[in-house]
């Protein structure tokens, strides 16, 4: 049997707004979204080649993860790594999109950022071509 990981689903409070952040950051597109008064919001962001995706699921009771992990607090459970050509320039750009530089930076050369919903993700120097 052959399989392929398509991409993660991230919980948040406003899926449609967070989808715009990730689509802009990655140069992808928001290809679908929905809002339901009882079920919350949902959005799908897809890569230009259609092979990768990030889905966002809006939940009324969403709690942002705490970075670094702290006993008794919501843990991140996973994070995304984003390759960039220039880490310092990428930090500035991510901040202009509504992301934040995390206070805790465990590794020189990389930057831990927080998306608008509080999900940690890492910017690291690396090839950006698919």
C-alpha atoms as a PDB file:
ATOM      1  CA  UNK A   1       0.000   0.000   0.000  1.00  0.00           C
ATOM      2  CA  UNK A   2       1.320   3.456  -0.910  1.00  0.00           C
ATOM      3  CA  UNK A   3       0.525   6.549   1.125  1.00  0.00           C
ATOM      4  CA  UNK A   4       1.438  10.233   1.111  1.00  0.00           C
ATOM      5  CA  UNK A   5       1.156  12.754   3.918  1.00  0.00           C
ATOM      6  CA  UNK A   6      -0.886  15.665   2.585  1.00  0.00           C
ATOM      7  CA  UNK A   7      -0.461  18.012   5.548  1.00  0.00           C
ATOM      8  CA  UNK A   8      -1.638  18.917   9.034  1.00  0.00           C
ATOM      9  CA  UNK A   9      -4.883  20.275  10.432  1.00  0.00           C
ATOM     10  CA  UNK A  10      -4.366  23.090  12.957  1.00  0.00           C
ATOM     11  CA  UNK A  11      -6.971  24.051  15.527  1.00  0.00           C
ATOM     12  CA  UNK A  12      -7.529  27.764  16.121  1.00  0.00           C
ATOM     13  CA  UNK A  13     -10.290  30.209  17.013  1.00  0.00           C
ATOM     14  CA  UNK A  14     -10.774  31.727  13.509  1.00  0.00           C
ATOM     15  CA  UNK A  15      -9.851  29.329  10.715  1.00  0.00           C
ATOM     16  CA  UNK A  16     -10.559  31.744   7.886  1.00  0.00           C
ATOM     17  CA  UNK A  17      -8.281  34.483   9.256  1.00  0.00           C
ATOM     18  CA  UNK A  18      -5.488  32.020  10.068  1.00  0.00           C
ATOM     19  CA  UNK A  19      -5.771  30.497   6.581  1.00  0.00           C
ATOM     20  CA  UNK A  20      -4.980  33.910   5.096  1.00  0.00           C
ATOM     21  CA  UNK A  21      -1.838  34.156   7.276  1.00  0.00           C
ATOM     22  CA  UNK A  22      -0.514  30.745   6.205  1.00  0.00           C
ATOM     23  CA  UNK A  23      -1.460  31.228   2.535  1.00  0.00           C
ATOM     24  CA  UNK A  24       0.421  34.519   2.405  1.00  0.00           C
ATOM     25  CA  UNK A  25       3.430  33.161   4.324  1.00  0.00           C
ATOM     26  CA  UNK A  26       3.820  30.116   2.095  1.00  0.00           C
ATOM     27  CA  UNK A  27       2.711  31.632  -1.224  1.00  0.00           C
ATOM     28  CA  UNK A  28      -0.152  29.133  -1.335  1.00  0.00           C
ATOM     29  CA  UNK A  29      -3.897  29.715  -1.833  1.00  0.00           C
ATOM     30  CA  UNK A  30      -6.972  29.468   0.342  1.00  0.00           C
ATOM     31  CA  UNK A  31      -9.003  27.105  -1.835  1.00  0.00           C
ATOM     32  CA  UNK A  32     -12.021  26.510   0.388  1.00  0.00           C
ATOM     33  CA  UNK A  33     -13.558  27.806   3.597  1.00  0.00           C
ATOM     34  CA  UNK A  34     -16.785  27.598   5.547  1.00  0.00           C
ATOM     35  CA  UNK A  35     -18.407  29.200   8.552  1.00  0.00           C
ATOM     36  CA  UNK A  36     -21.187  27.547  10.521  1.00  0.00           C
ATOM     37  CA  UNK A  37     -22.808  29.096  13.615  1.00  0.00           C
ATOM     38  CA  UNK A  38     -22.695  25.806  15.545  1.00  0.00           C
ATOM     39  CA  UNK A  39     -19.660  24.070  14.033  1.00  0.00           C
ATOM     40  CA  UNK A  40     -17.295  27.061  13.785  1.00  0.00           C
ATOM     41  CA  UNK A  41     -15.006  27.954  10.912  1.00  0.00           C
ATOM     42  CA  UNK A  42     -12.914  25.815   8.597  1.00  0.00           C
ATOM     43  CA  UNK A  43     -10.473  26.589   5.780  1.00  0.00           C
ATOM     44  CA  UNK A  44      -8.183  24.752   3.394  1.00  0.00           C
ATOM     45  CA  UNK A  45      -4.859  26.179   2.176  1.00  0.00           C
ATOM     46  CA  UNK A  46      -3.180  24.301  -0.668  1.00  0.00           C
ATOM     47  CA  UNK A  47       0.264  24.438  -2.295  1.00  0.00           C
ATOM     48  CA  UNK A  48       0.479  25.555  -5.947  1.00  0.00           C
ATOM     49  CA  UNK A  49       1.129  21.978  -7.103  1.00  0.00           C
ATOM     50  CA  UNK A  50      -1.851  20.731  -5.063  1.00  0.00           C
ATOM     51  CA  UNK A  51       0.163  18.072  -3.257  1.00  0.00           C
ATOM     52  CA  UNK A  52       0.397  19.711   0.175  1.00  0.00           C
ATOM     53  CA  UNK A  53      -2.196  21.359   2.350  1.00  0.00           C
ATOM     54  CA  UNK A  54      -2.833  22.911   5.712  1.00  0.00           C
ATOM     55  CA  UNK A  55      -6.368  22.775   7.034  1.00  0.00           C
ATOM     56  CA  UNK A  56      -7.514  25.121   9.769  1.00  0.00           C
ATOM     57  CA  UNK A  57     -10.323  24.181  12.130  1.00  0.00           C
ATOM     58  CA  UNK A  58     -11.921  26.955  14.160  1.00  0.00           C
ATOM     59  CA  UNK A  59     -13.100  25.949  17.618  1.00  0.00           C
ATOM     60  CA  UNK A  60     -15.014  28.094  20.108  1.00  0.00           C
ATOM     61  CA  UNK A  61     -13.007  26.653  23.024  1.00  0.00           C
ATOM     62  CA  UNK A  62      -9.562  26.915  21.378  1.00  0.00           C
ATOM     63  CA  UNK A  63      -6.632  27.689  23.694  1.00  0.00           C
ATOM     64  CA  UNK A  64      -3.302  28.822  22.267  1.00  0.00           C
ATOM     65  CA  UNK A  65      -0.335  26.575  23.052  1.00  0.00           C
ATOM     66  CA  UNK A  66       2.341  27.845  25.423  1.00  0.00           C
ATOM     67  CA  UNK A  67       5.940  27.898  24.143  1.00  0.00           C
ATOM     68  CA  UNK A  68       8.094  26.537  25.593  1.00  0.00           C
ATOM     69  CA  UNK A  69       5.893  23.825  27.091  1.00  0.00           C
ATOM     70  CA  UNK A  70       4.845  24.572  30.655  1.00  0.00           C
ATOM     71  CA  UNK A  71       3.302  22.113  33.121  1.00  0.00           C
ATOM     72  CA  UNK A  72      -0.473  22.518  33.338  1.00  0.00           C
ATOM     73  CA  UNK A  73      -0.691  24.647  30.161  1.00  0.00           C
ATOM     74  CA  UNK A  74      -1.794  23.796  26.635  1.00  0.00           C
ATOM     75  CA  UNK A  75       1.167  22.154  24.863  1.00  0.00           C
ATOM     76  CA  UNK A  76       1.950  22.699  21.182  1.00  0.00           C
ATOM     77  CA  UNK A  77       1.986  18.955  20.300  1.00  0.00           C
ATOM     78  CA  UNK A  78       3.669  19.713  16.936  1.00  0.00           C
ATOM     79  CA  UNK A  79       5.178  22.584  15.001  1.00  0.00           C
ATOM     80  CA  UNK A  80       5.854  23.396  11.362  1.00  0.00           C
ATOM     81  CA  UNK A  81       9.298  24.124   9.899  1.00  0.00           C
ATOM     82  CA  UNK A  82       9.490  26.778   7.168  1.00  0.00           C
ATOM     83  CA  UNK A  83      12.645  27.095   5.043  1.00  0.00           C
ATOM     84  CA  UNK A  84      13.597  30.675   4.147  1.00  0.00           C
ATOM     85  CA  UNK A  85      16.411  32.305   2.198  1.00  0.00           C
ATOM     86  CA  UNK A  86      17.076  35.005   4.831  1.00  0.00           C
ATOM     87  CA  UNK A  87      15.977  34.304   8.409  1.00  0.00           C
ATOM     88  CA  UNK A  88      16.174  37.910   9.654  1.00  0.00           C
ATOM     89  CA  UNK A  89      14.203  39.253   6.680  1.00  0.00           C
ATOM     90  CA  UNK A  90      11.646  36.462   7.132  1.00  0.00           C
ATOM     91  CA  UNK A  91      11.150  37.396  10.812  1.00  0.00           C
ATOM     92  CA  UNK A  92      10.338  40.962   9.813  1.00  0.00           C
ATOM     93  CA  UNK A  93       7.953  39.776   7.100  1.00  0.00           C
ATOM     94  CA  UNK A  94       6.177  37.278   9.396  1.00  0.00           C
ATOM     95  CA  UNK A  95       5.712  40.036  11.982  1.00  0.00           C
ATOM     96  CA  UNK A  96       4.148  42.253   9.291  1.00  0.00           C
ATOM     97  CA  UNK A  97       1.648  39.444   8.626  1.00  0.00           C
ATOM     98  CA  UNK A  98       0.634  39.284  12.304  1.00  0.00           C
ATOM     99  CA  UNK A  99       3.068  36.652  13.571  1.00  0.00           C
ATOM    100  CA  UNK A 100       5.249  37.129  16.648  1.00  0.00           C
ATOM    101  CA  UNK A 101       8.847  36.306  17.481  1.00  0.00           C
ATOM    102  CA  UNK A 102       8.777  33.876  20.417  1.00  0.00           C
ATOM    103  CA  UNK A 103      10.628  34.974  23.551  1.00  0.00           C
ATOM    104  CA  UNK A 104      12.344  31.574  23.844  1.00  0.00           C
ATOM    105  CA  UNK A 105      14.851  30.907  21.033  1.00  0.00           C
ATOM    106  CA  UNK A 106      16.576  27.561  21.669  1.00  0.00           C
ATOM    107  CA  UNK A 107      18.786  27.339  18.563  1.00  0.00           C
ATOM    108  CA  UNK A 108      21.127  29.849  16.948  1.00  0.00           C
ATOM    109  CA  UNK A 109      20.407  30.483  13.282  1.00  0.00           C
ATOM    110  CA  UNK A 110      16.748  29.485  13.478  1.00  0.00           C
ATOM    111  CA  UNK A 111      13.855  31.582  14.784  1.00  0.00           C
ATOM    112  CA  UNK A 112      10.797  30.298  16.603  1.00  0.00           C
ATOM    113  CA  UNK A 113       7.763  32.318  15.569  1.00  0.00           C
ATOM    114  CA  UNK A 114       4.139  32.222  16.693  1.00  0.00           C
ATOM    115  CA  UNK A 115       1.318  32.465  14.170  1.00  0.00           C
ATOM    116  CA  UNK A 116      -1.676  34.694  15.032  1.00  0.00           C
ATOM    117  CA  UNK A 117      -3.332  31.742  16.825  1.00  0.00           C
ATOM    118  CA  UNK A 118      -0.208  31.091  18.923  1.00  0.00           C
ATOM    119  CA  UNK A 119       1.115  27.993  17.093  1.00  0.00           C
ATOM    120  CA  UNK A 120       4.912  27.881  17.245  1.00  0.00           C
ATOM    121  CA  UNK A 121       6.717  27.365  13.944  1.00  0.00           C
ATOM    122  CA  UNK A 122      10.383  27.569  13.006  1.00  0.00           C
ATOM    123  CA  UNK A 123      12.061  29.649  10.325  1.00  0.00           C
ATOM    124  CA  UNK A 124      15.351  28.099   9.246  1.00  0.00           C
ATOM    125  CA  UNK A 125      17.825  28.816   6.465  1.00  0.00           C
ATOM    126  CA  UNK A 126      17.348  26.316   3.685  1.00  0.00           C
ATOM    127  CA  UNK A 127      16.409  25.749   0.073  1.00  0.00           C
ATOM    128  CA  UNK A 128      12.988  27.174  -0.775  1.00  0.00           C
ATOM    129  CA  UNK A 129      12.533  25.586  -4.209  1.00  0.00           C
ATOM    130  CA  UNK A 130      10.396  22.478  -4.330  1.00  0.00           C
END
